[in-house]
Protein backbone atom coordinates (compact mmCIF):
# COMPACT_ATOMS: atom_id res chain seq x y z
CA MET A 1 8.93 -1.80 -4.42
CA GLU A 2 11.33 -1.46 -1.50
CA GLU A 3 10.66 2.27 -1.31
CA MET A 4 6.91 1.55 -1.27
CA CYS A 5 7.38 -0.83 1.67
CA LEU A 6 9.40 1.79 3.55
CA ILE A 7 6.65 4.37 3.05
CA ILE A 8 4.01 1.89 4.26
CA LYS A 9 6.12 1.31 7.39
CA GLU A 10 6.36 5.07 7.87
CA VAL A 11 2.69 6.02 7.42
CA GLY A 12 1.00 2.75 8.40
CA VAL A 13 -0.25 1.45 11.73
CA GLN A 14 0.94 -1.76 13.34
CA GLY A 15 -1.87 -4.15 14.22
CA ARG A 16 -2.07 -6.61 17.11
CA ASP A 17 -0.69 -9.29 14.79
CA GLY A 18 2.44 -7.19 14.23
CA LYS A 19 1.62 -6.43 10.58
CA ILE A 20 1.62 -2.86 9.36
CA ARG A 21 -1.46 -1.62 7.50
CA VAL A 22 -2.40 1.57 5.69
CA THR A 23 -5.40 2.56 3.60
CA PHE A 24 -4.92 3.08 -0.11
CA GLY A 25 -6.13 6.69 0.20
CA ARG A 26 -3.52 7.59 2.81
CA LEU A 27 -0.77 5.79 0.89
CA PHE A 28 -1.79 7.39 -2.40
CA ASP A 29 -1.77 10.88 -0.89
CA ARG A 30 1.73 10.33 0.47
CA TYR A 31 3.29 8.38 -2.39
CA VAL A 32 1.85 10.34 -5.32
CA ARG A 33 4.27 13.12 -4.43
CA ILE A 34 7.10 10.69 -5.16
CA SER A 35 5.73 8.74 -8.11
CA ASP A 36 2.63 8.74 -10.28
CA LYS A 37 2.89 4.95 -10.71
CA VAL A 38 1.53 4.01 -7.27
CA VAL A 39 -0.96 1.36 -8.42
CA GLY A 40 1.51 -0.38 -10.72
CA ILE A 41 4.07 -0.61 -7.93
CA LEU A 42 1.42 -1.93 -5.52
CA LEU A 43 0.36 -4.63 -7.99
CA ARG A 44 3.96 -5.67 -8.59
CA ALA A 45 4.75 -5.72 -4.85
CA ARG A 46 1.70 -7.92 -4.22
CA LYS A 47 2.77 -10.30 -6.98
CA HIS A 48 6.19 -10.63 -5.31
CA GLY A 49 4.65 -11.25 -1.86
CA TYR A 50 5.61 -7.98 -0.19
CA LEU A 51 2.06 -6.87 0.56
CA ASP A 52 -1.59 -7.81 0.19
CA PHE A 53 -4.90 -6.07 -0.48
CA GLU A 54 -8.35 -7.05 -1.74
CA GLY A 55 -9.38 -6.59 -5.34
CA GLU A 56 -7.65 -6.70 -8.68
CA MET A 57 -7.20 -2.95 -9.22
CA LEU A 58 -7.21 0.17 -7.07
CA TRP A 59 -8.69 3.49 -8.16
CA GLN A 60 -8.16 6.77 -6.35
CA GLY A 61 -11.36 7.92 -4.67
CA VAL A 62 -13.23 4.65 -5.19
CA HIS A 63 -10.83 2.45 -3.20
CA ASP A 64 -9.43 4.94 -0.69
CA ASN A 65 -10.55 2.74 2.24
CA VAL A 66 -8.99 -0.50 0.95
CA ILE A 67 -6.45 -1.73 3.50
CA ILE A 68 -2.97 -2.58 2.28
CA THR A 69 -1.04 -4.98 4.51
CA LEU A 70 2.74 -5.20 4.55
CA LEU A 71 3.68 -8.91 4.67
CA GLU A 72 7.40 -8.84 5.35
């Protein structure tokens, strides 16, 4: 989960509120090279309060424009 947060910081964009955001599609393209368990890690990180996104599940292609927000 910590590695996921570091990648979001690296590829994401900081908003006016100071939070870093990235789309699922961009994150998937970057992170899939490291691990094929992207969605599972995202769900676990959300459960632990590291990040937030809408919906219960993310699917490549279908949810590429869903915004993932880093909360820490």
